[in-house]
């Protein structure tokens, strides 16, 4: 089967996250507020400008990220989370907590000791 099955709500939701850098982009924008393309590029180790552009466009098409162009000042472009994108943050926190507890159990034990 090619692509996600949109008859399954989980597949539809997970299609937003597919792509190696999307969760990193969302986290950076959530933690730092609006960021310019080069700021994102410098903060994401290992991503190419072509792939970053592609992932940002996909997030924009899914209404997760907003691209603001300020033509008043030498064509300044900033990316930020949309209100819809912000609704992903509790989901991402829950997935991160699950990952810590289930994929890295030794860390949870260490955290419980401190």
Protein backbone atom coordinates (compact mmCIF):
# COMPACT_ATOMS: atom_id res chain seq x y z
CA UNK A 1 0.00 0.00 0.00
CA UNK A 2 1.37 3.44 -0.90
CA UNK A 3 1.00 6.31 1.54
CA UNK A 4 -1.05 6.58 4.71
CA UNK A 5 -4.52 5.07 5.05
CA UNK A 6 -6.77 8.01 5.70
CA UNK A 7 -9.59 5.74 6.82
CA UNK A 8 -7.57 5.30 10.03
CA UNK A 9 -7.45 8.43 12.21
CA UNK A 10 -4.03 7.51 13.62
CA UNK A 11 -2.53 7.20 10.12
CA UNK A 12 -4.02 10.55 9.16
CA UNK A 13 -2.59 12.21 12.27
CA UNK A 14 0.82 10.57 11.92
CA UNK A 15 1.09 11.74 8.31
CA UNK A 16 1.64 15.23 9.72
CA UNK A 17 4.78 13.98 11.53
CA UNK A 18 6.21 11.92 8.69
CA UNK A 19 9.54 13.30 7.64
CA UNK A 20 12.70 13.19 9.67
CA UNK A 21 12.83 16.88 10.65
CA UNK A 22 9.20 17.88 11.16
CA UNK A 23 9.07 17.20 14.89
CA UNK A 24 12.37 19.06 15.33
CA UNK A 25 10.99 22.06 13.41
CA UNK A 26 7.81 22.06 15.49
CA UNK A 27 9.79 21.85 18.75
CA UNK A 28 12.14 24.66 17.74
CA UNK A 29 9.25 26.94 16.80
CA UNK A 30 7.38 26.05 19.99
CA UNK A 31 10.41 26.79 22.17
CA UNK A 32 11.77 29.85 20.34
CA UNK A 33 8.79 31.52 18.70
CA UNK A 34 9.06 32.75 15.11
CA UNK A 35 12.33 31.87 13.40
CA UNK A 36 13.91 32.69 10.08
CA UNK A 37 14.91 29.98 7.62
CA UNK A 38 18.66 30.36 8.27
CA UNK A 39 18.09 30.22 12.03
CA UNK A 40 16.30 26.89 11.60
CA UNK A 41 18.97 25.63 9.24
CA UNK A 42 21.75 26.43 11.73
CA UNK A 43 19.89 24.83 14.66
CA UNK A 44 19.05 21.54 12.90
CA UNK A 45 22.28 19.61 12.58
CA UNK A 46 22.40 17.47 9.45
CA UNK A 47 19.49 18.92 7.48
CA UNK A 48 20.06 20.35 3.99
CA UNK A 49 18.41 23.57 2.86
CA UNK A 50 16.50 21.61 0.20
CA UNK A 51 15.04 19.17 2.72
CA UNK A 52 14.28 21.92 5.23
CA UNK A 53 12.41 23.83 2.53
CA UNK A 54 10.45 20.70 1.58
CA UNK A 55 9.51 19.90 5.19
CA UNK A 56 8.50 23.51 5.92
CA UNK A 57 6.28 23.54 2.81
CA UNK A 58 4.60 20.31 3.87
CA UNK A 59 3.99 21.67 7.37
CA UNK A 60 2.64 24.86 5.82
CA UNK A 61 0.31 22.87 3.55
CA UNK A 62 -0.98 20.99 6.62
CA UNK A 63 -1.60 24.35 8.36
CA UNK A 64 0.89 23.50 11.13
CA UNK A 65 3.44 26.21 10.28
CA UNK A 66 2.80 29.70 9.00
CA UNK A 67 5.21 31.50 6.67
CA UNK A 68 5.20 35.28 7.16
CA UNK A 69 6.85 37.48 4.55
CA UNK A 70 7.65 41.04 5.62
CA UNK A 71 8.20 42.99 2.40
CA UNK A 72 8.84 46.24 4.29
CA UNK A 73 12.31 45.11 5.35
CA UNK A 74 14.39 43.45 2.67
CA UNK A 75 12.11 40.46 2.26
CA UNK A 76 12.27 39.02 5.78
CA UNK A 77 10.63 35.58 6.04
CA UNK A 78 9.73 34.03 9.40
CA UNK A 79 8.14 30.72 10.28
CA UNK A 80 5.89 30.18 13.30
CA UNK A 81 3.36 27.68 14.56
CA UNK A 82 -0.25 28.19 13.67
CA UNK A 83 -2.96 27.70 16.31
CA UNK A 84 -3.53 24.28 14.74
CA UNK A 85 0.20 23.55 15.07
CA UNK A 86 0.09 24.50 18.74
CA UNK A 87 -2.57 21.83 19.32
CA UNK A 88 0.10 19.24 18.44
CA UNK A 89 2.28 20.18 21.43
CA UNK A 90 0.38 18.16 24.08
CA UNK A 91 0.37 15.18 21.70
CA UNK A 92 4.11 15.49 21.15
CA UNK A 93 4.70 15.76 24.92
CA UNK A 94 2.69 12.57 25.45
CA UNK A 95 4.66 10.75 22.74
CA UNK A 96 7.94 11.99 24.25
CA UNK A 97 6.90 10.76 27.71
CA UNK A 98 5.97 7.38 26.25
CA UNK A 99 9.33 7.22 24.48
CA UNK A 100 11.22 7.99 27.67
CA UNK A 101 9.33 5.37 29.66
CA UNK A 102 9.28 2.63 27.05
CA UNK A 103 12.27 3.11 24.79
CA UNK A 104 14.75 4.41 27.35
CA UNK A 105 13.68 2.72 30.60
CA UNK A 106 17.12 3.13 32.20
CA UNK A 107 16.71 6.90 32.05
CA UNK A 108 13.38 6.76 33.87
CA UNK A 109 14.99 4.71 36.63
CA UNK A 110 17.82 7.24 36.94
CA UNK A 111 15.34 10.15 36.92
CA UNK A 112 13.29 8.44 39.64
CA UNK A 113 16.37 8.22 41.89
CA UNK A 114 17.10 11.93 41.83
